[in-house]
Amino acid sequence: MATRCFRTREGPSSAMQSPAAVFGWLRSGTRYSEGLLKIFQLIRVLRTSGIIASAAIVAVPVVLSSGPAAAERPSKIRSPVEQRESLVTLLSAYERDFSRSVYDSIGPDVPQLLIDIAGRPGEMPKVRTRAVGALANYPNENTRRFLLGLLNARDLPGSAGMLIRAQAIRSLGFAFGDEEVDAIAERRSDPDPQVRAAVAYGLGDSRSKKARLILETWLVHEDSLAVKHAIDRSLKRLRGF
């Protein structure tokens, strides 16, 4: 199949250009290239995030206006439904960790949508767990109440429920630091060693001097080697502060 090049009145002089050359031309700032530049930038972000593969991009249909109104038209804010779809796609991606700026780029409803996704039993456990992790980027009262509620939730059975609770512990430590050290430390007697390990890491995530004292005392009495390892790693991190 022949490759076609989308051209504008101020476009490249040749019919075929390398990706670097095309992107360089797009950066020139002409009003006809602004739309294409945004699309190329989005494609780069999606490729980097692993949401789409390079081979998945076959053609990009573009409709550009040649009048000045095109440059002045404000970007459309996506609806909550569209934001939710984008968020679930991101949380389902192979890549696990994204910065807050990536989540913010989806739209203004992301914090509440993360709570909705994390608390919805019909979602995939992986997506729910990652939504709980992403909430660490939004340390507000809604996030605090939701994460604390997960620690005591009785509708999270099995290994999937354990992973969600463990992630909630870590997100509490990262998001709220010293403020929630006591709430996190209360779970160090949980019968599941994986939850106790999450408590150790959550205390380390808190960056709290109080957490360091709790971990030092706890280390002496903990029986699980895996939990001891988690405590030791968190202590090494805290001693670096």
C-alpha atoms as a PDB file:
ATOM      1  CA  MET A   1       0.000   0.000   0.000  1.00  0.00           C
ATOM      2  CA  ALA A   2       1.413   3.387  -0.969  1.00  0.00           C
ATOM      3  CA  THR A   3       2.141   5.849   1.824  1.00  0.00           C
ATOM      4  CA  ARG A   4       0.374   9.155   1.524  1.00  0.00           C
ATOM      5  CA  CYS A   5       1.466  12.403   3.061  1.00  0.00           C
ATOM      6  CA  PHE A   6      -1.141  14.855   4.341  1.00  0.00           C
ATOM      7  CA  ARG A   7      -0.216  18.235   2.954  1.00  0.00           C
ATOM      8  CA  THR A   8      -1.356  21.768   3.587  1.00  0.00           C
ATOM      9  CA  ARG A   9      -0.780  24.945   1.671  1.00  0.00           C
ATOM     10  CA  GLU A  10       2.338  25.563   3.766  1.00  0.00           C
ATOM     11  CA  GLY A  11       3.321  21.908   4.030  1.00  0.00           C
ATOM     12  CA  PRO A  12       6.534  20.096   3.178  1.00  0.00           C
ATOM     13  CA  SER A  13       7.786  20.583  -0.342  1.00  0.00           C
ATOM     14  CA  SER A  14       8.366  16.892  -0.967  1.00  0.00           C
ATOM     15  CA  ALA A  15       5.809  14.109  -0.903  1.00  0.00           C
ATOM     16  CA  MET A  16       7.852  11.919   1.438  1.00  0.00           C
ATOM     17  CA  GLN A  17       9.571  13.079   4.615  1.00  0.00           C
ATOM     18  CA  SER A  18      11.226  11.263   7.499  1.00  0.00           C
ATOM     19  CA  PRO A  19       9.367  11.400  10.859  1.00  0.00           C
ATOM     20  CA  ALA A  20      12.064  13.690  12.251  1.00  0.00           C
ATOM     21  CA  ALA A  21      11.775  16.062   9.298  1.00  0.00           C
ATOM     22  CA  VAL A  22       7.999  16.163   9.474  1.00  0.00           C
ATOM     23  CA  PHE A  23       8.065  16.801  13.198  1.00  0.00           C
ATOM     24  CA  GLY A  24      10.628  19.565  12.717  1.00  0.00           C
ATOM     25  CA  TRP A  25       8.382  21.220  10.143  1.00  0.00           C
ATOM     26  CA  LEU A  26       5.422  20.945  12.492  1.00  0.00           C
ATOM     27  CA  ARG A  27       7.389  22.776  15.175  1.00  0.00           C
ATOM     28  CA  SER A  28       7.762  25.743  12.846  1.00  0.00           C
ATOM     29  CA  GLY A  29       4.561  27.174  14.307  1.00  0.00           C
ATOM     30  CA  THR A  30       2.474  27.791  11.189  1.00  0.00           C
ATOM     31  CA  ARG A  31      -1.213  27.942  11.894  1.00  0.00           C
ATOM     32  CA  TYR A  32      -1.849  25.065   9.513  1.00  0.00           C
ATOM     33  CA  SER A  33       0.502  22.762  11.421  1.00  0.00           C
ATOM     34  CA  GLU A  34      -0.748  23.327  14.969  1.00  0.00           C
ATOM     35  CA  GLY A  35      -3.317  20.569  14.781  1.00  0.00           C
ATOM     36  CA  LEU A  36      -0.830  18.073  13.390  1.00  0.00           C
ATOM     37  CA  LEU A  37       1.730  19.008  16.038  1.00  0.00           C
ATOM     38  CA  LYS A  38      -0.712  18.221  18.825  1.00  0.00           C
ATOM     39  CA  ILE A  39      -1.482  14.858  17.239  1.00  0.00           C
ATOM     40  CA  PHE A  40       2.210  13.953  16.877  1.00  0.00           C
ATOM     41  CA  GLN A  41       2.843  14.954  20.491  1.00  0.00           C
ATOM     42  CA  LEU A  42      -0.083  12.799  21.643  1.00  0.00           C
ATOM     43  CA  ILE A  43       1.211   9.856  19.621  1.00  0.00           C
ATOM     44  CA  ARG A  44       4.637  10.201  21.257  1.00  0.00           C
ATOM     45  CA  VAL A  45       3.057  10.173  24.734  1.00  0.00           C
ATOM     46  CA  LEU A  46       0.918   7.143  23.936  1.00  0.00           C
ATOM     47  CA  ARG A  47       3.880   5.246  22.463  1.00  0.00           C
ATOM     48  CA  THR A  48       6.048   6.052  25.473  1.00  0.00           C
ATOM     49  CA  SER A  49       3.286   4.980  27.867  1.00  0.00           C
ATOM     50  CA  GLY A  50       2.815   1.694  26.053  1.00  0.00           C
ATOM     51  CA  ILE A  51      -0.894   2.377  25.475  1.00  0.00           C
ATOM     52  CA  ILE A  52      -0.496   1.849  21.761  1.00  0.00           C
ATOM     53  CA  ALA A  53       2.220   0.239  19.732  1.00  0.00           C
ATOM     54  CA  SER A  54       3.975   1.987  16.920  1.00  0.00           C
ATOM     55  CA  ALA A  55       2.492  -0.439  14.427  1.00  0.00           C
ATOM     56  CA  ALA A  56      -1.011   0.464  15.597  1.00  0.00           C
ATOM     57  CA  ILE A  57      -0.770   3.894  14.007  1.00  0.00           C
ATOM     58  CA  VAL A  58      -1.597   3.485  10.356  1.00  0.00           C
ATOM     59  CA  ALA A  59      -3.156   6.770   9.317  1.00  0.00           C
ATOM     60  CA  VAL A  60      -4.288   9.967  10.999  1.00  0.00           C
ATOM     61  CA  PRO A  61      -7.163  11.741   9.273  1.00  0.00           C
ATOM     62  CA  VAL A  62      -6.861  15.470   9.853  1.00  0.00           C
ATOM     63  CA  VAL A  63      -9.333  18.256   9.173  1.00  0.00           C
ATOM     64  CA  LEU A  64      -7.816  21.718   9.487  1.00  0.00           C
ATOM     65  CA  SER A  65      -9.396  25.069   8.947  1.00  0.00           C
ATOM     66  CA  SER A  66      -7.418  27.663   7.064  1.00  0.00           C
ATOM     67  CA  GLY A  67      -9.065  30.621   8.798  1.00  0.00           C
ATOM     68  CA  PRO A  68      -7.844  32.412  11.944  1.00  0.00           C
ATOM     69  CA  ALA A  69     -10.776  31.004  13.917  1.00  0.00           C
ATOM     70  CA  ALA A  70      -9.083  27.592  13.950  1.00  0.00           C
ATOM     71  CA  ALA A  71      -6.155  28.901  15.971  1.00  0.00           C
ATOM     72  CA  GLU A  72      -8.433  30.735  18.413  1.00  0.00           C
ATOM     73  CA  ARG A  73     -10.861  27.862  19.039  1.00  0.00           C
ATOM     74  CA  PRO A  74     -10.439  26.582  22.622  1.00  0.00           C
ATOM     75  CA  SER A  75      -9.709  22.891  23.142  1.00  0.00           C
ATOM     76  CA  LYS A  76     -12.761  20.840  24.080  1.00  0.00           C
ATOM     77  CA  ILE A  77     -12.950  19.552  27.636  1.00  0.00           C
ATOM     78  CA  ARG A  78     -13.803  15.886  27.565  1.00  0.00           C
ATOM     79  CA  SER A  79     -16.941  14.665  29.285  1.00  0.00           C
ATOM     80  CA  PRO A  80     -16.662  12.571  32.477  1.00  0.00           C
ATOM     81  CA  VAL A  81     -17.554   9.483  30.423  1.00  0.00           C
ATOM     82  CA  GLU A  82     -14.715  10.162  27.975  1.00  0.00           C
ATOM     83  CA  GLN A  83     -12.306  10.886  30.816  1.00  0.00           C
ATOM     84  CA  ARG A  84     -13.272   7.633  32.505  1.00  0.00           C
ATOM     85  CA  GLU A  85     -12.663   5.639  29.332  1.00  0.00           C
ATOM     86  CA  SER A  86      -9.222   7.222  28.921  1.00  0.00           C
ATOM     87  CA  LEU A  87      -8.414   6.610  32.563  1.00  0.00           C
ATOM     88  CA  VAL A  88      -9.359   2.924  32.439  1.00  0.00           C
ATOM     89  CA  THR A  89      -7.218   2.547  29.305  1.00  0.00           C
ATOM     90  CA  LEU A  90      -4.273   4.136  31.097  1.00  0.00           C
ATOM     91  CA  LEU A  91      -4.720   1.987  34.192  1.00  0.00           C
ATOM     92  CA  SER A  92      -4.903  -1.124  32.004  1.00  0.00           C
ATOM     93  CA  ALA A  93      -1.646  -0.355  30.188  1.00  0.00           C
ATOM     94  CA  TYR A  94       1.489  -2.466  30.493  1.00  0.00           C
ATOM     95  CA  GLU A  95       3.335   0.453  32.057  1.00  0.00           C
ATOM     96  CA  ARG A  96       2.456   0.739  35.740  1.00  0.00           C
ATOM     97  CA  ASP A  97       3.628   4.083  37.074  1.00  0.00           C
ATOM     98  CA  PHE A  98       2.666   7.456  35.668  1.00  0.00           C
ATOM     99  CA  SER A  99       3.299  10.946  36.978  1.00  0.00           C
ATOM    100  CA  ARG A 100       0.446  13.149  38.150  1.00  0.00           C
ATOM    101  CA  SER A 101       0.803  15.278  35.032  1.00  0.00           C
ATOM    102  CA  VAL A 102      -0.233  12.295  32.903  1.00  0.00           C
ATOM    103  CA  TYR A 103      -3.396  11.811  34.950  1.00  0.00           C
ATOM    104  CA  ASP A 104      -4.119  15.553  35.013  1.00  0.00           C
ATOM    105  CA  SER A 105      -3.919  15.663  31.221  1.00  0.00           C
ATOM    106  CA  ILE A 106      -6.989  13.420  31.011  1.00  0.00           C
ATOM    107  CA  GLY A 107      -9.279  15.987  32.586  1.00  0.00           C
ATOM    108  CA  PRO A 108     -10.455  17.725  35.779  1.00  0.00           C
ATOM    109  CA  ASP A 109     -12.608  14.828  37.026  1.00  0.00           C
ATOM    110  CA  VAL A 110      -9.756  12.340  37.416  1.00  0.00           C
ATOM    111  CA  PRO A 111      -9.531  12.324  41.258  1.00  0.00           C
ATOM    112  CA  GLN A 112     -13.196  11.443  41.710  1.00  0.00           C
ATOM    113  CA  LEU A 113     -13.124   9.027  38.782  1.00  0.00           C
ATOM    114  CA  LEU A 114     -10.204   7.177  40.377  1.00  0.00           C
ATOM    115  CA  ILE A 115     -12.271   6.729  43.531  1.00  0.00           C
ATOM    116  CA  ASP A 116     -15.212   5.494  41.460  1.00  0.00           C
ATOM    117  CA  ILE A 117     -13.065   2.997  39.544  1.00  0.00           C
ATOM    118  CA  ALA A 118     -11.233   1.761  42.646  1.00  0.00           C
ATOM    119  CA  GLY A 119     -14.498   1.208  44.489  1.00  0.00           C
ATOM    120  CA  ARG A 120     -16.388  -0.522  41.684  1.00  0.00           C
ATOM    121  CA  PRO A 121     -16.455  -4.324  42.124  1.00  0.00           C
ATOM    122  CA  GLY A 122     -17.110  -4.858  38.413  1.00  0.00           C
ATOM    123  CA  GLU A 123     -13.733  -3.440  37.391  1.00  0.00           C
ATOM    124  CA  MET A 124     -10.730  -5.695  36.862  1.00  0.00           C
ATOM    125  CA  PRO A 125      -8.752  -6.157  40.114  1.00  0.00           C
ATOM    126  CA  LYS A 126      -5.596  -4.854  38.409  1.00  0.00           C
ATOM    127  CA  VAL A 127      -7.363  -1.683  37.326  1.00  0.00           C
ATOM    128  CA  ARG A 128      -8.855  -1.151  40.781  1.00  0.00           C
ATOM    129  CA  THR A 129      -5.500  -1.657  42.483  1.00  0.00           C
ATOM    130  CA  ARG A 130      -3.756   0.772  40.146  1.00  0.00           C
ATOM    131  CA  ALA A 131      -6.525   3.331  40.672  1.00  0.00           C
ATOM    132  CA  VAL A 132      -5.886   3.105  44.417  1.00  0.00           C
ATOM    133  CA  GLY A 133      -2.197   3.643  43.733  1.00  0.00           C
ATOM    134  CA  ALA A 134      -2.878   6.659  41.511  1.00  0.00           C
ATOM    135  CA  LEU A 135      -4.905   8.279  44.312  1.00  0.00           C
ATOM    136  CA  ALA A 136      -1.609   8.886  46.128  1.00  0.00           C
ATOM    137  CA  ASN A 137      -1.198  11.798  43.693  1.00  0.00           C
ATOM    138  CA  TYR A 138      -4.324  13.518  45.055  1.00  0.00           C
ATOM    139  CA  PRO A 139      -3.997  14.049  48.837  1.00  0.00           C
ATOM    140  CA  ASN A 140      -7.399  15.604  49.550  1.00  0.00           C
ATOM    141  CA  GLU A 141     -10.097  14.746  52.084  1.00  0.00           C
ATOM    142  CA  ASN A 142     -12.103  12.618  49.661  1.00  0.00           C
ATOM    143  CA  THR A 143      -9.012  10.543  48.983  1.00  0.00           C
ATOM    144  CA  ARG A 144      -8.246  10.226  52.698  1.00  0.00           C
ATOM    145  CA  ARG A 145     -11.754   9.025  53.581  1.00  0.00           C
ATOM    146  CA  PHE A 146     -11.806   6.543  50.708  1.00  0.00           C
ATOM    147  CA  LEU A 147      -8.390   5.037  51.470  1.00  0.00           C
ATOM    148  CA  LEU A 148      -9.149   4.736  55.197  1.00  0.00           C
ATOM    149  CA  GLY A 149     -12.422   3.058  54.294  1.00  0.00           C
ATOM    150  CA  LEU A 150     -10.593   0.463  52.231  1.00  0.00           C
ATOM    151  CA  LEU A 151      -8.515  -0.552  55.237  1.00  0.00           C
ATOM    152  CA  ASN A 152     -11.681  -1.675  57.013  1.00  0.00           C
ATOM    153  CA  ALA A 153     -13.661  -2.853  53.985  1.00  0.00           C
ATOM    154  CA  ARG A 154     -15.306  -6.247  54.398  1.00  0.00           C
ATOM    155  CA  ASP A 155     -16.249  -6.643  50.736  1.00  0.00           C
ATOM    156  CA  LEU A 156     -12.684  -7.212  49.489  1.00  0.00           C
ATOM    157  CA  PRO A 157     -12.206 -10.978  49.707  1.00  0.00           C
ATOM    158  CA  GLY A 158      -9.380 -13.098  48.397  1.00  0.00           C
ATOM    159  CA  SER A 159      -5.997 -12.131  47.022  1.00  0.00           C
ATOM    160  CA  ALA A 160      -7.467  -9.311  44.912  1.00  0.00           C
ATOM    161  CA  GLY A 161      -8.935  -7.699  48.025  1.00  0.00           C
ATOM    162  CA  MET A 162      -5.642  -8.105  49.855  1.00  0.00           C
ATOM    163  CA  LEU A 163      -3.776  -6.308  47.050  1.00  0.00           C
ATOM    164  CA  ILE A 164      -6.267  -3.420  47.089  1.00  0.00           C
ATOM    165  CA  ARG A 165      -5.950  -3.016  50.875  1.00  0.00           C
ATOM    166  CA  ALA A 166      -2.159  -3.245  50.660  1.00  0.00           C
ATOM    167  CA  GLN A 167      -2.065  -0.562  47.985  1.00  0.00           C
ATOM    168  CA  ALA A 168      -4.395   1.643  50.048  1.00  0.00           C
ATOM    169  CA  ILE A 169      -1.915   1.434  52.936  1.00  0.00           C
ATOM    170  CA  ARG A 170       0.955   2.542  50.731  1.00  0.00           C
ATOM    171  CA  SER A 171      -1.056   5.332  49.118  1.00  0.00           C
ATOM    172  CA  LEU A 172      -2.020   6.656  52.558  1.00  0.00           C
ATOM    173  CA  GLY A 173       1.628   6.798  53.583  1.00  0.00           C
ATOM    174  CA  PHE A 174       2.750   8.485  50.392  1.00  0.00           C
ATOM    175  CA  ALA A 175      -0.114  10.992  50.202  1.00  0.00           C
ATOM    176  CA  PHE A 176      -0.540  11.991  53.846  1.00  0.00           C
ATOM    177  CA  GLY A 177       2.780  11.210  55.511  1.00  0.00           C
ATOM    178  CA  ASP A 178       2.931  11.727  59.257  1.00  0.00           C
ATOM    179  CA  GLU A 179      -0.800  12.489  59.455  1.00  0.00           C
ATOM    180  CA  GLU A 180      -1.782   8.849  58.895  1.00  0.00           C
ATOM    181  CA  VAL A 181       1.147   6.997  60.458  1.00  0.00           C
ATOM    182  CA  ASP A 182      -0.978   5.764  63.377  1.00  0.00           C
ATOM    183  CA  ALA A 183      -3.737   4.485  61.090  1.00  0.00           C
ATOM    184  CA  ILE A 184      -1.169   2.603  59.017  1.00  0.00           C
ATOM    185  CA  ALA A 185       0.718   1.229  62.038  1.00  0.00           C
ATOM    186  CA  GLU A 186      -2.482  -0.269  63.470  1.00  0.00           C
ATOM    187  CA  ARG A 187      -2.402  -2.833  60.642  1.00  0.00           C
ATOM    188  CA  ARG A 188       1.008  -4.235  61.559  1.00  0.00           C
ATOM    189  CA  SER A 189      -0.717  -7.058  63.446  1.00  0.00           C
ATOM    190  CA  ASP A 190      -2.708  -8.183  60.375  1.00  0.00           C
ATOM    191  CA  PRO A 191      -2.563 -11.984  60.000  1.00  0.00           C
ATOM    192  CA  ASP A 192      -1.603 -11.701  56.301  1.00  0.00           C
ATOM    193  CA  PRO A 193       2.176 -11.156  55.954  1.00  0.00           C
ATOM    194  CA  GLN A 194       1.643  -9.407  52.615  1.00  0.00           C
ATOM    195  CA  VAL A 195      -0.506  -6.791  54.313  1.00  0.00           C
ATOM    196  CA  ARG A 196       2.079  -6.412  57.083  1.00  0.00           C
ATOM    197  CA  ALA A 197       4.778  -5.929  54.446  1.00  0.00           C
ATOM    198  CA  ALA A 198       2.622  -3.221  52.868  1.00  0.00           C
ATOM    199  CA  VAL A 199       2.355  -1.584  56.293  1.00  0.00           C
ATOM    200  CA  ALA A 200       6.148  -1.564  56.550  1.00  0.00           C
ATOM    201  CA  TYR A 201       6.491  -0.012  53.110  1.00  0.00           C
ATOM    202  CA  GLY A 202       3.654   2.422  53.805  1.00  0.00           C
ATOM    203  CA  LEU A 203       5.417   3.638  56.928  1.00  0.00           C
ATOM    204  CA  GLY A 204       8.537   4.097  54.834  1.00  0.00           C
ATOM    205  CA  ASP A 205       6.528   6.008  52.226  1.00  0.00           C
ATOM    206  CA  SER A 206       5.348   8.402  54.954  1.00  0.00           C
ATOM    207  CA  ARG A 207       8.856   9.913  55.336  1.00  0.00           C
ATOM    208  CA  SER A 208       8.049  10.272  59.061  1.00  0.00           C
ATOM    209  CA  LYS A 209      10.408  10.192  62.045  1.00  0.00           C
ATOM    210  CA  LYS A 210       7.584   8.677  64.079  1.00  0.00           C
ATOM    211  CA  ALA A 211       7.310   5.871  61.524  1.00  0.00           C
ATOM    212  CA  ARG A 212      11.010   5.155  61.931  1.00  0.00           C
ATOM    213  CA  LEU A 213      10.595   4.575  65.690  1.00  0.00           C
ATOM    214  CA  ILE A 214       7.615   2.290  65.074  1.00  0.00           C
ATOM    215  CA  LEU A 215       9.553   0.252  62.531  1.00  0.00           C
ATOM    216  CA  GLU A 216      12.589  -0.108  64.784  1.00  0.00           C
ATOM    217  CA  THR A 217      10.439  -1.460  67.626  1.00  0.00           C
ATOM    218  CA  TRP A 218       8.422  -3.685  65.317  1.00  0.00           C
ATOM    219  CA  LEU A 219      11.468  -5.297  63.697  1.00  0.00           C
ATOM    220  CA  VAL A 220      12.442  -7.031  66.932  1.00  0.00           C
ATOM    221  CA  HIS A 221       9.058  -8.748  67.305  1.00  0.00           C
ATOM    222  CA  GLU A 222       8.207  -9.637  63.692  1.00  0.00           C
ATOM    223  CA  ASP A 223       8.447 -13.341  62.804  1.00  0.00           C
ATOM    224  CA  SER A 224       8.033 -13.276  59.005  1.00  0.00           C
ATOM    225  CA  LEU A 225      11.299 -12.991  57.094  1.00  0.00           C
ATOM    226  CA  ALA A 226       9.514 -11.253  54.203  1.00  0.00           C
ATOM    227  CA  VAL A 227       8.037  -8.645  56.547  1.00  0.00           C
ATOM    228  CA  LYS A 228      11.385  -8.193  58.295  1.00  0.00           C
ATOM    229  CA  HIS A 229      12.913  -7.517  54.894  1.00  0.00           C
ATOM    230  CA  ALA A 230      10.239  -4.885  54.173  1.00  0.00           C
ATOM    231  CA  ILE A 231      10.822  -3.255  57.551  1.00  0.00           C
ATOM    232  CA  ASP A 232      14.570  -3.199  57.000  1.00  0.00           C
ATOM    233  CA  ARG A 233      14.207  -1.616  53.551  1.00  0.00           C
ATOM    234  CA  SER A 234      11.895   1.074  54.897  1.00  0.00           C
ATOM    235  CA  LEU A 235      14.251   1.825  57.766  1.00  0.00           C
ATOM    236  CA  LYS A 236      17.137   2.273  55.346  1.00  0.00           C
ATOM    237  CA  ARG A 237      15.036   4.723  53.332  1.00  0.00           C
ATOM    238  CA  LEU A 238      13.960   6.674  56.430  1.00  0.00           C
ATOM    239  CA  ARG A 239      17.482   6.865  57.786  1.00  0.00           C
ATOM    240  CA  GLY A 240      18.458   8.614  54.610  1.00  0.00           C
ATOM    241  CA  PHE A 241      16.174  11.554  55.364  1.00  0.00           C
END
